[in-house]
Amino acid sequence: MKTQLLNVGFGNVVVAARVVAIVSPSSAPMRRLKDHAKDLGKLIDASQGRKTRSIIVTDSDHVVLSGVQPDTLAQRLAAGVGKE
């Protein structure tokens, strides 16, 4: 059994099965979600210092910041689901 990984940009990956949501960081609730995760120590910045273009929420309540657009991540996730 192989683990499917989702490339979130700049050489970083997350386990695709653990992804709950991929959202845009532009709304106030998403900014609050990011701040709350930072306070809990569950924020992972995978944007490598670049502008955050998407926020990935996992089933373990970790929040991953990515410099890749949400549409691109969703396409990558959908493409990986079909491969087994």
PDB file of N, CA and C in Angstrom:
ATOM      1  N   MET A   1       0.846  -1.176   0.000  1.00  0.00           N
ATOM      2  CA  MET A   1       0.000   0.000   0.000  1.00  0.00           C
ATOM      3  C   MET A   1       0.888   1.234   0.000  1.00  0.00           C
ATOM      4  N   LYS A   2       0.721   2.097  -1.006  1.00  0.00           N
ATOM      5  CA  LYS A   2       1.519   3.302  -1.125  1.00  0.00           C
ATOM      6  C   LYS A   2       0.749   4.498  -0.569  1.00  0.00           C
ATOM      7  N   THR A   3       1.476   5.371   0.078  1.00  0.00           N
ATOM      8  CA  THR A   3       0.892   6.594   0.593  1.00  0.00           C
ATOM      9  C   THR A   3       0.929   7.660  -0.491  1.00  0.00           C
ATOM     10  N   GLN A   4      -0.219   8.239  -0.794  1.00  0.00           N
ATOM     11  CA  GLN A   4      -0.288   9.313  -1.781  1.00  0.00           C
ATOM     12  C   GLN A   4       0.116  10.620  -1.114  1.00  0.00           C
ATOM     13  N   LEU A   5       1.010  11.354  -1.753  1.00  0.00           N
ATOM     14  CA  LEU A   5       1.477  12.627  -1.239  1.00  0.00           C
ATOM     15  C   LEU A   5       0.996  13.755  -2.144  1.00  0.00           C
ATOM     16  N   LEU A   6       0.722  14.899  -1.544  1.00  0.00           N
ATOM     17  CA  LEU A   6       0.300  16.081  -2.286  1.00  0.00           C
ATOM     18  C   LEU A   6       1.427  17.099  -2.231  1.00  0.00           C
ATOM     19  N   ASN A   7       1.926  17.486  -3.396  1.00  0.00           N
ATOM     20  CA  ASN A   7       2.981  18.483  -3.486  1.00  0.00           C
ATOM     21  C   ASN A   7       2.364  19.855  -3.227  1.00  0.00           C
ATOM     22  N   VAL A   8       2.789  20.506  -2.130  1.00  0.00           N
ATOM     23  CA  VAL A   8       2.245  21.818  -1.779  1.00  0.00           C
ATOM     24  C   VAL A   8       3.194  22.945  -2.175  1.00  0.00           C
ATOM     25  N   GLY A   9       4.213  22.601  -2.949  1.00  0.00           N
ATOM     26  CA  GLY A   9       5.115  23.599  -3.492  1.00  0.00           C
ATOM     27  C   GLY A   9       6.448  23.679  -2.787  1.00  0.00           C
ATOM     28  N   PHE A  10       7.467  24.057  -3.560  1.00  0.00           N
ATOM     29  CA  PHE A  10       8.804  24.314  -3.060  1.00  0.00           C
ATOM     30  C   PHE A  10       9.406  23.101  -2.346  1.00  0.00           C
ATOM     31  N   GLY A  11       9.125  21.910  -2.852  1.00  0.00           N
ATOM     32  CA  GLY A  11       9.701  20.688  -2.304  1.00  0.00           C
ATOM     33  C   GLY A  11       9.015  20.172  -1.063  1.00  0.00           C
ATOM     34  N   ASN A  12       7.848  20.680  -0.734  1.00  0.00           N
ATOM     35  CA  ASN A  12       7.105  20.250   0.450  1.00  0.00           C
ATOM     36  C   ASN A  12       5.902  19.409   0.039  1.00  0.00           C
ATOM     37  N   VAL A  13       5.613  18.383   0.838  1.00  0.00           N
ATOM     38  CA  VAL A  13       4.476  17.513   0.563  1.00  0.00           C
ATOM     39  C   VAL A  13       3.699  17.239   1.843  1.00  0.00           C
ATOM     40  N   VAL A  14       2.424  16.915   1.687  1.00  0.00           N
ATOM     41  CA  VAL A  14       1.597  16.451   2.794  1.00  0.00           C
ATOM     42  C   VAL A  14       0.917  15.161   2.349  1.00  0.00           C
ATOM     43  N   VAL A  15       0.496  14.357   3.309  1.00  0.00           N
ATOM     44  CA  VAL A  15      -0.201  13.116   2.991  1.00  0.00           C
ATOM     45  C   VAL A  15      -1.598  13.470   2.486  1.00  0.00           C
ATOM     46  N   ALA A  16      -1.906  13.057   1.275  1.00  0.00           N
ATOM     47  CA  ALA A  16      -3.157  13.447   0.615  1.00  0.00           C
ATOM     48  C   ALA A  16      -4.392  12.978   1.386  1.00  0.00           C
ATOM     49  N   ALA A  17      -4.323  11.819   2.004  1.00  0.00           N
ATOM     50  CA  ALA A  17      -5.476  11.283   2.726  1.00  0.00           C
ATOM     51  C   ALA A  17      -5.813  12.104   3.965  1.00  0.00           C
ATOM     52  N   ARG A  18      -4.888  12.909   4.458  1.00  0.00           N
ATOM     53  CA  ARG A  18      -5.106  13.690   5.675  1.00  0.00           C
ATOM     54  C   ARG A  18      -5.696  15.072   5.388  1.00  0.00           C
ATOM     55  N   VAL A  19      -5.763  15.460   4.114  1.00  0.00           N
ATOM     56  CA  VAL A  19      -6.261  16.786   3.747  1.00  0.00           C
ATOM     57  C   VAL A  19      -7.776  16.827   3.887  1.00  0.00           C
ATOM     58  N   VAL A  20      -8.256  17.809   4.646  1.00  0.00           N
ATOM     59  CA  VAL A  20      -9.688  18.002   4.833  1.00  0.00           C
ATOM     60  C   VAL A  20     -10.194  19.124   3.930  1.00  0.00           C
ATOM     61  N   ALA A  21      -9.401  20.202   3.824  1.00  0.00           N
ATOM     62  CA  ALA A  21      -9.840  21.350   3.030  1.00  0.00           C
ATOM     63  C   ALA A  21      -8.637  22.117   2.490  1.00  0.00           C
ATOM     64  N   ILE A  22      -8.846  22.734   1.327  1.00  0.00           N
ATOM     65  CA  ILE A  22      -7.876  23.650   0.736  1.00  0.00           C
ATOM     66  C   ILE A  22      -8.643  24.938   0.478  1.00  0.00           C
ATOM     67  N   VAL A  23      -8.230  26.010   1.169  1.00  0.00           N
ATOM     68  CA  VAL A  23      -8.989  27.254   1.108  1.00  0.00           C
ATOM     69  C   VAL A  23      -8.078  28.433   0.795  1.00  0.00           C
ATOM     70  N   SER A  24      -8.703  29.519   0.371  1.00  0.00           N
ATOM     71  CA  SER A  24      -7.984  30.762   0.099  1.00  0.00           C
ATOM     72  C   SER A  24      -7.804  31.529   1.410  1.00  0.00           C
ATOM     73  N   PRO A  25      -6.655  32.156   1.614  1.00  0.00           N
ATOM     74  CA  PRO A  25      -6.400  32.839   2.885  1.00  0.00           C
ATOM     75  C   PRO A  25      -6.955  34.261   2.968  1.00  0.00           C
ATOM     76  N   SER A  26      -7.710  34.698   1.989  1.00  0.00           N
ATOM     77  CA  SER A  26      -8.099  36.104   1.903  1.00  0.00           C
ATOM     78  C   SER A  26      -9.221  36.521   2.851  1.00  0.00           C
ATOM     79  N   SER A  27     -10.020  35.594   3.351  1.00  0.00           N
ATOM     80  CA  SER A  27     -11.147  35.983   4.203  1.00  0.00           C
ATOM     81  C   SER A  27     -10.725  36.097   5.675  1.00  0.00           C
ATOM     82  N   ALA A  28     -11.472  36.859   6.416  1.00  0.00           N
ATOM     83  CA  ALA A  28     -11.186  37.058   7.837  1.00  0.00           C
ATOM     84  C   ALA A  28     -11.250  35.754   8.640  1.00  0.00           C
ATOM     85  N   PRO A  29     -12.224  34.867   8.395  1.00  0.00           N
ATOM     86  CA  PRO A  29     -12.241  33.611   9.147  1.00  0.00           C
ATOM     87  C   PRO A  29     -10.998  32.737   8.908  1.00  0.00           C
ATOM     88  N   MET A  30     -10.473  32.801   7.693  1.00  0.00           N
ATOM     89  CA  MET A  30      -9.260  32.014   7.415  1.00  0.00           C
ATOM     90  C   MET A  30      -8.045  32.621   8.101  1.00  0.00           C
ATOM     91  N   ARG A  31      -8.014  33.945   8.198  1.00  0.00           N
ATOM     92  CA  ARG A  31      -6.926  34.588   8.947  1.00  0.00           C
ATOM     93  C   ARG A  31      -7.009  34.227  10.423  1.00  0.00           C
ATOM     94  N   ARG A  32      -8.230  34.180  10.957  1.00  0.00           N
ATOM     95  CA  ARG A  32      -8.399  33.779  12.364  1.00  0.00           C
ATOM     96  C   ARG A  32      -7.999  32.325  12.562  1.00  0.00           C
ATOM     97  N   LEU A  33      -8.342  31.472  11.607  1.00  0.00           N
ATOM     98  CA  LEU A  33      -7.954  30.062  11.677  1.00  0.00           C
ATOM     99  C   LEU A  33      -6.434  29.933  11.715  1.00  0.00           C
ATOM    100  N   LYS A  34      -5.754  30.694  10.875  1.00  0.00           N
ATOM    101  CA  LYS A  34      -4.293  30.679  10.838  1.00  0.00           C
ATOM    102  C   LYS A  34      -3.712  31.157  12.170  1.00  0.00           C
ATOM    103  N   ASP A  35      -4.244  32.233  12.713  1.00  0.00           N
ATOM    104  CA  ASP A  35      -3.757  32.761  13.989  1.00  0.00           C
ATOM    105  C   ASP A  35      -4.000  31.781  15.133  1.00  0.00           C
ATOM    106  N   HIS A  36      -5.157  31.141  15.129  1.00  0.00           N
ATOM    107  CA  HIS A  36      -5.482  30.161  16.163  1.00  0.00           C
ATOM    108  C   HIS A  36      -4.532  28.957  16.095  1.00  0.00           C
ATOM    109  N   ALA A  37      -4.261  28.481  14.890  1.00  0.00           N
ATOM    110  CA  ALA A  37      -3.338  27.355  14.727  1.00  0.00           C
ATOM    111  C   ALA A  37      -1.937  27.739  15.192  1.00  0.00           C
ATOM    112  N   LYS A  38      -1.532  28.968  14.933  1.00  0.00           N
ATOM    113  CA  LYS A  38      -0.217  29.442  15.382  1.00  0.00           C
ATOM    114  C   LYS A  38      -0.145  29.446  16.901  1.00  0.00           C
ATOM    115  N   ASP A  39      -1.204  29.902  17.551  1.00  0.00           N
ATOM    116  CA  ASP A  39      -1.253  29.925  19.018  1.00  0.00           C
ATOM    117  C   ASP A  39      -1.157  28.520  19.607  1.00  0.00           C
ATOM    118  N   LEU A  40      -1.743  27.538  18.917  1.00  0.00           N
ATOM    119  CA  LEU A  40      -1.725  26.149  19.389  1.00  0.00           C
ATOM    120  C   LEU A  40      -0.459  25.404  18.988  1.00  0.00           C
ATOM    121  N   GLY A  41       0.373  26.017  18.161  1.00  0.00           N
ATOM    122  CA  GLY A  41       1.583  25.341  17.691  1.00  0.00           C
ATOM    123  C   GLY A  41       1.317  24.334  16.594  1.00  0.00           C
ATOM    124  N   LYS A  42       0.218  24.517  15.873  1.00  0.00           N
ATOM    125  CA  LYS A  42      -0.154  23.588  14.802  1.00  0.00           C
ATOM    126  C   LYS A  42      -0.096  24.224  13.419  1.00  0.00           C
ATOM    127  N   LEU A  43       0.640  25.325  13.305  1.00  0.00           N
ATOM    128  CA  LEU A  43       0.781  26.007  12.022  1.00  0.00           C
ATOM    129  C   LEU A  43       2.093  25.592  11.374  1.00  0.00           C
ATOM    130  N   ILE A  44       2.020  25.168  10.121  1.00  0.00           N
ATOM    131  CA  ILE A  44       3.200  24.775   9.348  1.00  0.00           C
ATOM    132  C   ILE A  44       3.284  25.702   8.148  1.00  0.00           C
ATOM    133  N   ASP A  45       4.383  26.461   8.064  1.00  0.00           N
ATOM    134  CA  ASP A  45       4.564  27.396   6.960  1.00  0.00           C
ATOM    135  C   ASP A  45       5.412  26.736   5.875  1.00  0.00           C
ATOM    136  N   ALA A  46       4.754  26.253   4.829  1.00  0.00           N
ATOM    137  CA  ALA A  46       5.443  25.606   3.707  1.00  0.00           C
ATOM    138  C   ALA A  46       5.534  26.552   2.513  1.00  0.00           C
ATOM    139  N   SER A  47       5.358  27.844   2.765  1.00  0.00           N
ATOM    140  CA  SER A  47       5.397  28.813   1.667  1.00  0.00           C
ATOM    141  C   SER A  47       6.806  29.294   1.373  1.00  0.00           C
ATOM    142  N   GLN A  48       7.770  28.900   2.207  1.00  0.00           N
ATOM    143  CA  GLN A  48       9.180  29.267   2.016  1.00  0.00           C
ATOM    144  C   GLN A  48       9.363  30.777   1.936  1.00  0.00           C
ATOM    145  N   GLY A  49       8.622  31.527   2.738  1.00  0.00           N
ATOM    146  CA  GLY A  49       8.764  32.976   2.775  1.00  0.00           C
ATOM    147  C   GLY A  49       8.035  33.719   1.681  1.00  0.00           C
ATOM    148  N   ARG A  50       7.368  33.011   0.813  1.00  0.00           N
ATOM    149  CA  ARG A  50       6.624  33.666  -0.257  1.00  0.00           C
ATOM    150  C   ARG A  50       5.207  33.990   0.219  1.00  0.00           C
ATOM    151  N   LYS A  51       4.465  34.687  -0.621  1.00  0.00           N
ATOM    152  CA  LYS A  51       3.087  35.036  -0.281  1.00  0.00           C
ATOM    153  C   LYS A  51       2.253  33.771  -0.120  1.00  0.00           C
ATOM    154  N   THR A  52       1.452  33.727   0.947  1.00  0.00           N
ATOM    155  CA  THR A  52       0.566  32.588   1.168  1.00  0.00           C
ATOM    156  C   THR A  52      -0.611  32.686   0.213  1.00  0.00           C
ATOM    157  N   ARG A  53      -0.765  31.685  -0.638  1.00  0.00           N
ATOM    158  CA  ARG A  53      -1.849  31.679  -1.611  1.00  0.00           C
ATOM    159  C   ARG A  53      -2.944  30.678  -1.262  1.00  0.00           C
ATOM    160  N   SER A  54      -2.633  29.712  -0.385  1.00  0.00           N
ATOM    161  CA  SER A  54      -3.659  28.761   0.037  1.00  0.00           C
ATOM    162  C   SER A  54      -3.356  28.250   1.438  1.00  0.00           C
ATOM    163  N   ILE A  55      -4.419  27.823   2.104  1.00  0.00           N
ATOM    164  CA  ILE A  55      -4.323  27.233   3.431  1.00  0.00           C
ATOM    165  C   ILE A  55      -4.878  25.823   3.333  1.00  0.00           C
ATOM    166  N   ILE A  56      -4.109  24.857   3.833  1.00  0.00           N
ATOM    167  CA  ILE A  56      -4.517  23.452   3.819  1.00  0.00           C
ATOM    168  C   ILE A  56      -4.822  23.036   5.251  1.00  0.00           C
ATOM    169  N   VAL A  57      -6.011  22.510   5.482  1.00  0.00           N
ATOM    170  CA  VAL A  57      -6.417  22.043   6.797  1.00  0.00           C
ATOM    171  C   VAL A  57      -6.386  20.518   6.782  1.00  0.00           C
ATOM    172  N   THR A  58      -5.766  19.920   7.802  1.00  0.00           N
ATOM    173  CA  THR A  58      -5.669  18.466   7.872  1.00  0.00           C
ATOM    174  C   THR A  58      -6.595  17.915   8.951  1.00  0.00           C
ATOM    175  N   ASP A  59      -6.778  16.609   8.941  1.00  0.00           N
ATOM    176  CA  ASP A  59      -7.651  15.972   9.926  1.00  0.00           C
ATOM    177  C   ASP A  59      -7.066  15.971  11.337  1.00  0.00           C
ATOM    178  N   SER A  60      -5.792  16.297  11.487  1.00  0.00           N
ATOM    179  CA  SER A  60      -5.165  16.395  12.807  1.00  0.00           C
ATOM    180  C   SER A  60      -5.182  17.839  13.312  1.00  0.00           C
ATOM    181  N   ASP A  61      -5.967  18.700  12.666  1.00  0.00           N
ATOM    182  CA  ASP A  61      -6.099  20.121  12.999  1.00  0.00           C
ATOM    183  C   ASP A  61      -4.837  20.924  12.741  1.00  0.00           C
ATOM    184  N   HIS A  62      -3.909  20.392  11.968  1.00  0.00           N
ATOM    185  CA  HIS A  62      -2.752  21.169  11.552  1.00  0.00           C
ATOM    186  C   HIS A  62      -3.176  22.039  10.377  1.00  0.00           C
ATOM    187  N   VAL A  63      -2.567  23.218  10.301  1.00  0.00           N
ATOM    188  CA  VAL A  63      -2.844  24.164   9.226  1.00  0.00           C
ATOM    189  C   VAL A  63      -1.534  24.399   8.488  1.00  0.00           C
ATOM    190  N   VAL A  64      -1.547  24.130   7.181  1.00  0.00           N
ATOM    191  CA  VAL A  64      -0.349  24.252   6.354  1.00  0.00           C
ATOM    192  C   VAL A  64      -0.537  25.433   5.403  1.00  0.00           C
ATOM    193  N   LEU A  65       0.418  26.355   5.418  1.00  0.00           N
ATOM    194  CA  LEU A  65       0.391  27.486   4.501  1.00  0.00           C
ATOM    195  C   LEU A  65       1.193  27.133   3.264  1.00  0.00           C
ATOM    196  N   SER A  66       0.643  27.435   2.098  1.00  0.00           N
ATOM    197  CA  SER A  66       1.308  27.108   0.842  1.00  0.00           C
ATOM    198  C   SER A  66       1.354  28.324  -0.071  1.00  0.00           C
ATOM    199  N   GLY A  67       2.377  28.393  -0.883  1.00  0.00           N
ATOM    200  CA  GLY A  67       2.515  29.460  -1.862  1.00  0.00           C
ATOM    201  C   GLY A  67       1.910  29.108  -3.206  1.00  0.00           C
ATOM    202  N   VAL A  68       1.175  28.011  -3.272  1.00  0.00           N
ATOM    203  CA  VAL A  68       0.546  27.544  -4.508  1.00  0.00           C
ATOM    204  C   VAL A  68      -0.959  27.850  -4.445  1.00  0.00           C
ATOM    205  N   GLN A  69      -1.535  28.216  -5.586  1.00  0.00           N
ATOM    206  CA  GLN A  69      -2.962  28.541  -5.660  1.00  0.00           C
ATOM    207  C   GLN A  69      -3.836  27.348  -5.254  1.00  0.00           C
ATOM    208  N   PRO A  70      -4.986  27.593  -4.600  1.00  0.00           N
ATOM    209  CA  PRO A  70      -5.890  26.500  -4.208  1.00  0.00           C
ATOM    210  C   PRO A  70      -6.361  25.645  -5.389  1.00  0.00           C
ATOM    211  N   ASP A  71      -6.620  26.283  -6.539  1.00  0.00           N
ATOM    212  CA  ASP A  71      -7.065  25.531  -7.724  1.00  0.00           C
ATOM    213  C   ASP A  71      -6.007  24.525  -8.164  1.00  0.00           C
ATOM    214  N   THR A  72      -4.762  24.941  -8.136  1.00  0.00           N
ATOM    215  CA  THR A  72      -3.662  24.058  -8.530  1.00  0.00           C
ATOM    216  C   THR A  72      -3.548  22.887  -7.566  1.00  0.00           C
ATOM    217  N   LEU A  73      -3.653  23.170  -6.272  1.00  0.00           N
ATOM    218  CA  LEU A  73      -3.578  22.091  -5.281  1.00  0.00           C
ATOM    219  C   LEU A  73      -4.748  21.119  -5.441  1.00  0.00           C
ATOM    220  N   ALA A  74      -5.929  21.649  -5.714  1.00  0.00           N
ATOM    221  CA  ALA A  74      -7.112  20.783  -5.893  1.00  0.00           C
ATOM    222  C   ALA A  74      -6.929  19.878  -7.113  1.00  0.00           C
ATOM    223  N   GLN A  75      -6.349  20.411  -8.190  1.00  0.00           N
ATOM    224  CA  GLN A  75      -6.092  19.590  -9.380  1.00  0.00           C
ATOM    225  C   GLN A  75      -5.073  18.503  -9.068  1.00  0.00           C
ATOM    226  N   ARG A  76      -4.023  18.868  -8.334  1.00  0.00           N
ATOM    227  CA  ARG A  76      -3.019  17.871  -7.954  1.00  0.00           C
ATOM    228  C   ARG A  76      -3.622  16.788  -7.076  1.00  0.00           C
ATOM    229  N   LEU A  77      -4.476  17.190  -6.153  1.00  0.00           N
ATOM    230  CA  LEU A  77      -5.122  16.221  -5.255  1.00  0.00           C
ATOM    231  C   LEU A  77      -6.034  15.295  -6.037  1.00  0.00           C
ATOM    232  N   ALA A  78      -6.826  15.852  -6.957  1.00  0.00           N
ATOM    233  CA  ALA A  78      -7.741  15.047  -7.767  1.00  0.00           C
ATOM    234  C   ALA A  78      -6.977  14.086  -8.673  1.00  0.00           C
ATOM    235  N   ALA A  79      -5.860  14.528  -9.217  1.00  0.00           N
ATOM    236  CA  ALA A  79      -5.062  13.671 -10.091  1.00  0.00           C
ATOM    237  C   ALA A  79      -4.449  12.525  -9.300  1.00  0.00           C
ATOM    238  N   GLY A  80      -4.063  12.767  -8.074  1.00  0.00           N
ATOM    239  CA  GLY A  80      -3.456  11.729  -7.244  1.00  0.00           C
ATOM    240  C   GLY A  80      -4.430  10.697  -6.747  1.00  0.00           C
ATOM    241  N   VAL A  81      -5.717  11.077  -6.623  1.00  0.00           N
ATOM    242  CA  VAL A  81      -6.731  10.138  -6.121  1.00  0.00           C
ATOM    243  C   VAL A  81      -6.943   8.990  -7.086  1.00  0.00           C
ATOM    244  N   GLY A  82      -6.866   9.256  -8.377  1.00  0.00           N
ATOM    245  CA  GLY A  82      -7.084   8.218  -9.383  1.00  0.00           C
ATOM    246  C   GLY A  82      -5.953   7.211  -9.500  1.00  0.00           C
ATOM    247  N   LYS A  83      -4.748   7.588  -9.068  1.00  0.00           N
ATOM    248  CA  LYS A  83      -3.588   6.705  -9.187  1.00  0.00           C
ATOM    249  C   LYS A  83      -3.518   5.765  -7.992  1.00  0.00           C
ATOM    250  N   GLU A  84      -3.307   4.486  -8.245  1.00  0.00           N
ATOM    251  CA  GLU A  84      -3.153   3.528  -7.162  1.00  0.00           C
ATOM    252  C   GLU A  84      -2.262   2.411  -7.529  1.00  0.00           C
TER     253      GLU A  84
END
